[in-house]
Amino acid sequence: MIKREIYLTKIREFYHLDLIKVLTGIRRCGKSTLLKQIIEEIKESGVKEDHIIYINFEDISYSSIRSYLDLNTYVKEKIVDEEKYYLFFDEVQMVLDWEKAINSFRATLNVSVFVTGSNSKLLSGELATLLSGRYVTFKIAPFSFKEVVLLKEISDRRDIEDAFDDYLLWGGLPQRFEMKTLDGTKTYLRDVFDAIVLKDIVKRHNIKNINLFGRVVEFLVTNPSQVFSTSNMVLVFEKEGIPVSTKTIYQCLDYAEEAYLMEKISSYDIRRKRILARKDKYYLTDLGLGQILNVNKKAQFGAYLENIVYNELVARGYNVSIGNNNGREIDFIAVRHNELEYYQVCFTLAEESTKEREFGAYENIQDNYPKYIISMDKLDYSWKGIIHKNIIDWLLED
């Protein structure tokens, strides 16, 4: 397994500090492996193995630890001297009121604490209050395409393009690359999807109408990168004889976001410098989890490319929104370190009408921030200062 330097470089400076290190992300995105890589680096720094305590709460060996009191007792029995201990709690949300134990460890013991969880609200409520200013968070994602190329150890352009075609459909969840066949990949992704829906959403929120929820989620994940309309969605279900309210749909969206199945971004009016209401888009955290439900539907390659670019910008540390330029949509406004970049994404610029649409989206934007168009084209279509890049070349940049 490759070392995930994109995250390790951000986390290393916190290894020995008493700030709580919180790693969150979708199930099976590699959080456990990343924890083990951190543990190995901490050992290499000279920390003794018996001063490292690691618990994976999905391991049945730790099934007796179900409350913060159980966790407190277990850890304090392991600590036998005044030297610093390193505590690693994987999928900690499975422990009831776990934040109370974590806060106690931080306040009373000489420890460095790392926790992971598969829920975006891991830091909501009491934990945020108890640990205000005393934790740092790192959002972990499935493999980027550059990590896939490193994992497969490929350098030939044809092999890289084949790997991208596979990535475009089946995503970057690390363990799926251990599958030897397409059927194995589909089975694995289906199992992960079911675990997210049943364990992280249905069970957590005590959803009664599982069939309805499943249909709503299926609609969401098979239509990525689209401006979302609850009213249109209600009409779609009504035609199928499925009664559903806008409130239910919004609830399903919240649950899907909470479990990191997808992310919402808002639209920003460039001229008026304000967020536009009801112009949200949703992007899948991993395209493979949408593809397994995309049975008998035409592949939406342009939407998939847009989704990949969004995920890559987030992984690179950008804050991302949709741009509205006097009625023309700009796919992404990306901001990092007070620097702004614009991005348009399309499958190909071969058609003249497509060129006019993609380049025209930047019309009348007078600032000097970089403006990009990303596509599958190998020819360079850069024009009038607008930079065109092939998506594979862009994904493999340093």
Protein backbone atom coordinates (compact mmCIF):
# COMPACT_ATOMS: atom_id res chain seq x y z
CA MET A 1 0.00 0.00 0.00
CA ILE A 2 1.33 3.45 -0.90
CA LYS A 3 2.10 6.07 1.73
CA ARG A 4 -0.53 8.79 1.58
CA GLU A 5 1.80 11.76 1.64
CA ILE A 6 -0.98 14.20 0.72
CA TYR A 7 -2.32 13.66 4.27
CA LEU A 8 0.80 12.62 6.19
CA THR A 9 2.55 15.90 5.34
CA LYS A 10 -0.36 17.78 6.91
CA ILE A 11 -0.61 15.61 10.04
CA ARG A 12 3.10 15.10 10.94
CA GLU A 13 3.56 18.42 12.72
CA PHE A 14 0.79 17.41 15.15
CA TYR A 15 2.09 13.90 16.02
CA HIS A 16 3.45 14.82 19.43
CA LEU A 17 1.09 17.65 20.38
CA ASP A 18 -1.79 17.27 22.84
CA LEU A 19 -4.34 18.49 20.28
CA ILE A 20 -6.84 15.76 19.39
CA LYS A 21 -6.20 14.61 15.80
CA VAL A 22 -9.52 13.79 14.13
CA LEU A 23 -9.53 11.93 10.78
CA THR A 24 -12.92 11.69 9.10
CA GLY A 25 -14.11 10.34 5.78
CA ILE A 26 -16.33 7.86 4.00
CA ARG A 27 -16.16 4.19 4.96
CA ARG A 28 -13.22 2.28 3.47
CA CYS A 29 -11.43 5.39 2.19
CA GLY A 30 -8.22 4.32 3.93
CA LYS A 31 -8.43 5.92 7.39
CA SER A 32 -7.31 2.74 9.20
CA THR A 33 -4.34 2.27 6.88
CA LEU A 34 -3.38 5.92 7.35
CA LEU A 35 -3.49 5.46 11.15
CA LYS A 36 -1.13 2.48 10.83
CA GLN A 37 1.23 4.54 8.68
CA ILE A 38 1.23 7.24 11.37
CA ILE A 39 1.94 4.60 14.02
CA GLU A 40 4.92 3.31 12.03
CA GLU A 41 6.35 6.82 11.68
CA ILE A 42 5.89 7.46 15.41
CA LYS A 43 7.75 4.21 16.18
CA GLU A 44 10.55 5.29 13.82
CA SER A 45 10.85 8.52 15.83
CA GLY A 46 11.81 6.48 18.90
CA VAL A 47 8.49 5.92 20.68
CA LYS A 48 8.33 2.48 22.30
CA GLU A 49 5.68 0.09 21.04
CA ASP A 50 4.19 -0.43 24.50
CA HIS A 51 3.42 3.29 24.63
CA ILE A 52 1.16 3.04 21.60
CA ILE A 53 -2.44 1.95 22.19
CA TYR A 54 -4.48 1.13 19.08
CA ILE A 55 -8.15 0.10 19.12
CA ASN A 56 -10.28 -0.62 16.05
CA PHE A 57 -13.85 -0.57 17.30
CA GLU A 58 -15.00 -2.65 14.32
CA ASP A 59 -12.80 -5.49 15.63
CA ILE A 60 -14.85 -7.92 17.71
CA SER A 61 -11.91 -8.21 20.11
CA TYR A 62 -12.95 -4.83 21.52
CA SER A 63 -16.69 -5.48 21.59
CA SER A 64 -16.69 -5.12 25.40
CA ILE A 65 -15.82 -1.41 25.04
CA ARG A 66 -19.17 0.19 24.36
CA SER A 67 -19.27 3.28 26.56
CA TYR A 68 -16.92 6.08 27.55
CA LEU A 69 -16.53 4.46 30.97
CA ASP A 70 -15.41 1.17 29.39
CA LEU A 71 -12.93 3.06 27.22
CA ASN A 72 -11.62 5.06 30.17
CA THR A 73 -11.04 1.90 32.21
CA TYR A 74 -9.33 0.05 29.35
CA VAL A 75 -6.89 2.87 28.54
CA LYS A 76 -5.95 3.72 32.13
CA GLU A 77 -5.11 0.07 32.80
CA LYS A 78 -2.61 0.24 29.91
CA ILE A 79 -0.86 3.40 31.12
CA VAL A 80 1.77 2.50 33.71
CA ASP A 81 4.24 5.43 33.75
CA GLU A 82 4.53 9.19 33.19
CA GLU A 83 5.96 9.03 29.66
CA LYS A 84 3.82 10.15 26.71
CA TYR A 85 1.41 7.58 25.32
CA TYR A 86 -0.09 7.62 21.83
CA LEU A 87 -3.75 6.64 21.64
CA PHE A 88 -5.37 5.59 18.35
CA PHE A 89 -9.15 5.01 18.25
CA ASP A 90 -10.48 3.79 14.90
CA GLU A 91 -14.22 4.30 14.13
CA VAL A 92 -14.66 5.81 17.57
CA GLN A 93 -18.29 6.77 16.97
CA MET A 94 -19.23 3.19 17.90
CA VAL A 95 -18.50 4.02 21.56
CA LEU A 96 -21.34 5.75 23.41
CA ASP A 97 -20.35 9.25 24.60
CA TRP A 98 -16.76 8.60 23.51
CA GLU A 99 -15.98 12.33 23.60
CA LYS A 100 -16.15 12.34 27.41
CA ALA A 101 -13.33 9.80 27.63
CA ILE A 102 -11.26 11.60 25.00
CA ASN A 103 -11.60 14.92 26.81
CA SER A 104 -10.61 13.28 30.09
CA PHE A 105 -7.51 11.69 28.53
CA ARG A 106 -6.42 14.99 27.06
CA ALA A 107 -6.95 16.87 30.33
CA THR A 108 -5.44 14.40 32.80
CA LEU A 109 -2.89 12.23 30.98
CA ASN A 110 0.34 12.75 29.05
CA VAL A 111 -1.06 11.57 25.71
CA SER A 112 -1.37 12.31 22.03
CA VAL A 113 -4.76 11.18 20.74
CA PHE A 114 -5.85 10.23 17.22
CA VAL A 115 -9.43 9.29 16.35
CA THR A 116 -11.20 8.35 13.12
CA GLY A 117 -14.87 8.26 12.21
CA SER A 118 -17.16 7.85 9.22
CA ASN A 119 -19.56 10.61 10.09
CA SER A 120 -19.30 14.32 9.30
CA LYS A 121 -21.10 15.16 12.56
CA LEU A 122 -18.44 13.40 14.62
CA LEU A 123 -17.49 16.82 15.95
CA SER A 124 -20.97 18.14 16.53
CA GLY A 125 -22.65 18.73 19.84
CA GLU A 126 -20.83 17.99 23.06
CA LEU A 127 -17.42 17.22 21.59
CA ALA A 128 -17.22 20.59 19.89
CA THR A 129 -18.08 22.24 23.21
CA LEU A 130 -15.71 20.14 25.32
CA LEU A 131 -12.78 20.37 22.93
CA SER A 132 -13.25 23.86 21.54
CA GLY A 133 -9.87 24.92 20.13
CA ARG A 134 -8.24 21.68 21.24
CA TYR A 135 -8.58 19.52 18.13
CA VAL A 136 -7.55 19.55 14.48
CA THR A 137 -9.47 17.78 11.72
CA PHE A 138 -8.32 16.10 8.54
CA LYS A 139 -10.80 14.97 5.93
CA ILE A 140 -9.60 11.79 4.21
CA ALA A 141 -10.82 10.85 0.73
CA PRO A 142 -10.49 7.77 -1.50
CA PHE A 143 -7.41 7.58 -3.71
CA SER A 144 -6.77 10.44 -6.08
CA PHE A 145 -5.86 9.39 -9.62
CA LYS A 146 -2.24 10.26 -8.98
CA GLU A 147 -2.25 7.85 -6.02
CA VAL A 148 -3.77 5.16 -8.27
CA VAL A 149 -0.89 5.59 -10.75
CA LEU A 150 1.61 5.28 -7.87
CA LEU A 151 -0.22 2.24 -6.52
CA LYS A 152 -0.20 0.48 -9.90
CA GLU A 153 3.41 1.57 -10.56
CA ILE A 154 2.64 2.53 -14.15
CA SER A 155 4.40 5.08 -16.35
CA ASP A 156 3.43 4.12 -19.92
CA ARG A 157 0.87 6.60 -21.24
CA ARG A 158 -1.41 3.88 -22.65
CA ASP A 159 -1.50 2.11 -19.28
CA ILE A 160 -2.19 5.42 -17.52
CA GLU A 161 -5.10 6.15 -19.88
CA ASP A 162 -6.53 2.66 -19.29
CA ALA A 163 -6.23 3.23 -15.54
CA PHE A 164 -8.06 6.53 -15.90
CA ASP A 165 -10.92 4.91 -17.84
CA ASP A 166 -11.26 2.43 -14.98
CA TYR A 167 -11.03 5.20 -12.34
CA LEU A 168 -13.66 7.27 -14.15
CA LEU A 169 -16.22 4.51 -13.67
CA TRP A 170 -15.19 2.63 -10.54
CA GLY A 171 -13.61 5.28 -8.34
CA GLY A 172 -10.74 5.20 -5.90
CA LEU A 173 -11.73 3.26 -2.77
CA PRO A 174 -8.36 1.66 -1.88
CA GLN A 175 -9.48 -1.91 -1.25
CA ARG A 176 -11.29 -2.23 -4.56
CA PHE A 177 -7.88 -2.33 -6.30
CA GLU A 178 -7.27 -5.68 -4.63
CA MET A 179 -10.15 -7.18 -6.63
CA LYS A 180 -9.03 -9.29 -9.60
CA THR A 181 -12.22 -9.12 -11.67
CA LEU A 182 -14.91 -6.59 -12.56
CA ASP A 183 -17.50 -8.76 -10.82
CA GLY A 184 -15.35 -8.70 -7.69
CA THR A 185 -15.10 -4.92 -7.87
CA LYS A 186 -18.86 -4.57 -8.24
CA THR A 187 -19.53 -6.93 -5.33
CA TYR A 188 -17.08 -5.07 -3.11
CA LEU A 189 -18.52 -1.64 -3.96
CA ARG A 190 -22.05 -2.88 -3.44
CA ASP A 191 -21.11 -4.18 0.02
CA VAL A 192 -19.52 -0.84 0.93
CA PHE A 193 -22.57 1.06 -0.32
CA ASP A 194 -24.93 -1.18 1.65
CA ALA A 195 -22.82 -0.73 4.79
CA ILE A 196 -22.96 3.06 4.43
CA VAL A 197 -26.72 3.08 3.86
CA LEU A 198 -27.68 0.45 6.44
CA LYS A 199 -25.14 1.09 9.22
CA ASP A 200 -24.19 4.75 8.87
CA ILE A 201 -27.59 6.09 7.84
CA VAL A 202 -30.59 3.76 8.35
CA LYS A 203 -29.50 2.38 11.72
CA ARG A 204 -28.14 5.67 13.03
CA HIS A 205 -31.30 7.62 12.16
CA ASN A 206 -33.79 4.81 12.75
CA ILE A 207 -35.28 5.13 9.27
CA LYS A 208 -38.51 3.15 8.95
CA ASN A 209 -39.26 3.32 5.21
CA ILE A 210 -36.00 1.80 3.97
CA ASN A 211 -37.30 1.21 0.43
CA LEU A 212 -38.23 4.87 -0.06
CA PHE A 213 -34.93 6.04 1.37
CA GLY A 214 -33.09 3.62 -0.93
CA ARG A 215 -34.87 5.02 -3.99
CA VAL A 216 -34.08 8.61 -3.05
CA VAL A 217 -30.42 7.78 -2.48
CA GLU A 218 -30.27 5.85 -5.76
CA PHE A 219 -31.60 8.91 -7.61
CA LEU A 220 -29.01 11.12 -5.94
CA VAL A 221 -25.95 8.97 -6.58
CA THR A 222 -26.82 8.19 -10.21
CA ASN A 223 -27.24 11.86 -11.11
CA PRO A 224 -23.99 13.51 -9.95
CA SER A 225 -22.83 17.02 -10.85
CA GLN A 226 -26.35 18.30 -11.53
CA VAL A 227 -28.01 21.45 -10.19
CA PHE A 228 -30.43 19.97 -7.69
CA SER A 229 -34.17 20.63 -7.56
CA THR A 230 -36.32 18.98 -4.90
CA SER A 231 -39.51 19.89 -6.78
CA ASN A 232 -38.29 18.12 -9.94
CA MET A 233 -37.35 15.12 -7.86
CA VAL A 234 -40.81 15.01 -6.29
CA LEU A 235 -42.33 15.00 -9.79
CA VAL A 236 -40.07 12.13 -10.87
CA PHE A 237 -41.22 10.01 -7.94
CA GLU A 238 -44.86 10.96 -8.41
CA LYS A 239 -44.71 9.63 -11.99
CA GLU A 240 -43.47 6.35 -10.56
CA GLY A 241 -46.30 6.27 -8.04
CA ILE A 242 -44.03 7.00 -5.07
CA PRO A 243 -45.36 9.76 -2.79
CA VAL A 244 -42.53 11.77 -1.21
CA SER A 245 -42.29 15.24 0.31
CA THR A 246 -39.57 17.85 -0.17
CA LYS A 247 -38.88 17.58 3.56
CA THR A 248 -38.12 13.87 3.20
CA ILE A 249 -35.80 14.54 0.27
CA TYR A 250 -33.87 17.21 2.16
CA GLN A 251 -33.59 14.83 5.10
CA CYS A 252 -32.19 12.12 2.83
CA LEU A 253 -29.69 14.62 1.42
CA ASP A 254 -28.54 15.56 4.91
CA TYR A 255 -28.10 11.90 5.86
CA ALA A 256 -26.14 11.16 2.68
CA GLU A 257 -23.86 14.14 3.30
CA GLU A 258 -23.39 13.18 6.91
CA ALA A 259 -22.16 9.72 5.89
CA TYR A 260 -19.82 11.30 3.29
CA LEU A 261 -21.64 9.65 0.43
CA MET A 262 -21.80 13.02 -1.34
CA GLU A 263 -21.04 16.70 -0.84
CA LYS A 264 -23.04 19.82 -1.54
CA ILE A 265 -21.58 23.02 -2.92
CA SER A 266 -23.38 26.32 -3.39
CA SER A 267 -23.53 28.76 -6.28
CA TYR A 268 -21.75 32.11 -5.98
CA ASP A 269 -22.81 35.19 -7.95
CA ILE A 270 -19.52 36.65 -9.19
CA ARG A 271 -20.88 40.14 -9.98
CA ARG A 272 -22.98 40.59 -6.84
CA LYS A 273 -20.55 38.62 -4.62
CA ARG A 274 -23.21 36.59 -2.83
CA ILE A 275 -24.38 33.00 -2.46
CA LEU A 276 -27.41 32.12 -4.60
CA ALA A 277 -30.25 30.22 -2.93
CA ARG A 278 -31.48 26.89 -4.34
CA LYS A 279 -28.61 26.54 -6.82
CA ASP A 280 -26.76 23.72 -5.09
CA LYS A 281 -24.92 20.83 -6.74
CA TYR A 282 -24.03 17.45 -5.26
CA TYR A 283 -20.84 15.53 -5.98
CA LEU A 284 -20.10 11.91 -5.10
CA THR A 285 -17.22 11.22 -2.76
CA ASP A 286 -16.47 8.15 -4.89
CA LEU A 287 -17.83 7.57 -8.39
CA GLY A 288 -17.76 3.80 -8.00
CA LEU A 289 -20.53 3.94 -5.41
CA GLY A 290 -22.77 5.62 -7.97
CA GLN A 291 -21.78 3.37 -10.84
CA ILE A 292 -22.95 0.16 -9.14
CA LEU A 293 -26.47 1.59 -9.09
CA ASN A 294 -26.28 2.99 -12.60
CA VAL A 295 -27.87 -0.12 -14.14
CA ASN A 296 -29.16 0.25 -17.70
CA LYS A 297 -28.46 3.98 -17.66
CA LYS A 298 -26.23 5.83 -20.10
CA ALA A 299 -22.85 6.76 -18.62
CA GLN A 300 -22.61 10.52 -18.00
CA PHE A 301 -18.92 10.99 -18.77
CA GLY A 302 -19.00 14.79 -18.70
CA ALA A 303 -20.60 14.72 -15.26
CA TYR A 304 -18.07 12.12 -14.06
CA LEU A 305 -15.16 14.30 -15.19
CA GLU A 306 -16.66 17.28 -13.38
CA ASN A 307 -17.01 15.15 -10.23
CA ILE A 308 -13.38 14.05 -10.43
CA VAL A 309 -12.16 17.63 -10.83
CA TYR A 310 -14.22 18.70 -7.82
CA ASN A 311 -12.80 15.92 -5.63
CA GLU A 312 -9.26 16.72 -6.76
CA LEU A 313 -9.63 20.43 -5.96
CA VAL A 314 -10.88 19.57 -2.47
CA ALA A 315 -7.99 17.12 -1.94
CA ARG A 316 -5.56 19.87 -2.95
CA GLY A 317 -6.95 22.08 -0.21
CA TYR A 318 -9.24 24.43 -2.15
CA ASN A 319 -12.55 25.80 -0.96
CA VAL A 320 -14.88 25.28 -3.92
CA SER A 321 -18.14 26.85 -5.09
CA ILE A 322 -20.08 27.05 -8.36
CA GLY A 323 -19.71 30.34 -10.21
CA ASN A 324 -22.54 32.35 -11.75
CA ASN A 325 -21.32 34.89 -14.29
CA ASN A 326 -24.38 36.92 -15.25
CA GLY A 327 -26.42 33.77 -15.88
CA ARG A 328 -23.56 31.69 -17.29
CA GLU A 329 -22.39 28.89 -15.04
CA ILE A 330 -18.71 28.46 -14.24
CA ASP A 331 -18.20 24.95 -12.94
CA PHE A 332 -15.85 25.84 -10.09
CA ILE A 333 -14.43 28.84 -8.27
CA ALA A 334 -11.54 27.44 -6.23
CA VAL A 335 -9.90 29.46 -3.45
CA ARG A 336 -6.73 28.53 -1.55
CA HIS A 337 -4.37 30.76 0.45
CA ASN A 338 -6.38 33.81 -0.68
CA GLU A 339 -5.66 32.94 -4.31
CA LEU A 340 -8.56 32.29 -6.68
CA GLU A 341 -8.82 30.05 -9.77
CA TYR A 342 -11.68 29.38 -12.20
CA TYR A 343 -12.40 25.97 -13.75
CA GLN A 344 -14.61 24.79 -16.59
CA VAL A 345 -14.90 21.02 -17.22
CA CYS A 346 -16.18 19.23 -20.32
CA PHE A 347 -15.60 15.91 -22.05
CA THR A 348 -14.23 17.35 -25.30
CA LEU A 349 -13.81 20.72 -27.04
CA ALA A 350 -13.94 19.21 -30.53
CA GLU A 351 -17.28 20.84 -31.38
CA GLU A 352 -17.23 24.57 -32.11
CA SER A 353 -20.42 25.09 -30.09
CA THR A 354 -18.77 23.49 -27.05
CA LYS A 355 -15.74 25.78 -27.40
CA GLU A 356 -18.02 28.82 -27.54
CA ARG A 357 -19.91 27.68 -24.44
CA GLU A 358 -16.86 26.79 -22.32
CA PHE A 359 -14.68 29.76 -23.25
CA GLY A 360 -17.71 32.08 -23.28
CA ALA A 361 -18.42 31.31 -19.63
CA TYR A 362 -15.45 33.53 -18.76
CA GLU A 363 -16.69 36.48 -20.81
CA ASN A 364 -16.63 39.82 -18.94
CA ILE A 365 -14.65 38.47 -15.97
CA GLN A 366 -12.09 41.24 -15.77
CA ASP A 367 -9.80 39.99 -13.00
CA ASN A 368 -6.42 38.38 -13.67
CA TYR A 369 -6.95 35.15 -11.76
CA PRO A 370 -6.11 31.94 -13.68
CA LYS A 371 -8.91 30.54 -15.81
CA TYR A 372 -8.80 26.86 -16.80
CA ILE A 373 -10.72 24.49 -19.04
CA ILE A 374 -10.20 20.79 -18.28
CA SER A 375 -11.18 18.10 -20.78
CA MET A 376 -10.15 14.73 -22.25
CA ASP A 377 -8.66 16.42 -25.35
CA LYS A 378 -4.97 15.84 -26.04
CA LEU A 379 -4.69 18.91 -28.28
CA ASP A 380 -4.02 22.20 -26.50
CA TYR A 381 -6.99 24.54 -27.01
CA SER A 382 -5.68 27.38 -24.83
CA TRP A 383 -6.94 30.76 -26.11
CA LYS A 384 -6.77 34.41 -25.07
CA GLY A 385 -5.11 33.63 -21.74
CA ILE A 386 -7.58 30.88 -20.85
CA ILE A 387 -5.54 27.74 -20.12
CA HIS A 388 -6.71 24.39 -21.48
CA LYS A 389 -5.39 21.20 -19.90
CA ASN A 390 -5.88 17.51 -20.51
CA ILE A 391 -7.50 16.07 -17.38
CA ILE A 392 -4.97 13.26 -16.95
CA ASP A 393 -2.03 15.68 -17.22
CA TRP A 394 -3.73 17.99 -14.73
CA LEU A 395 -4.42 15.19 -12.24
CA LEU A 396 -0.79 14.03 -12.37
CA GLU A 397 0.69 17.49 -11.72
CA ASP A 398 2.72 18.07 -8.56
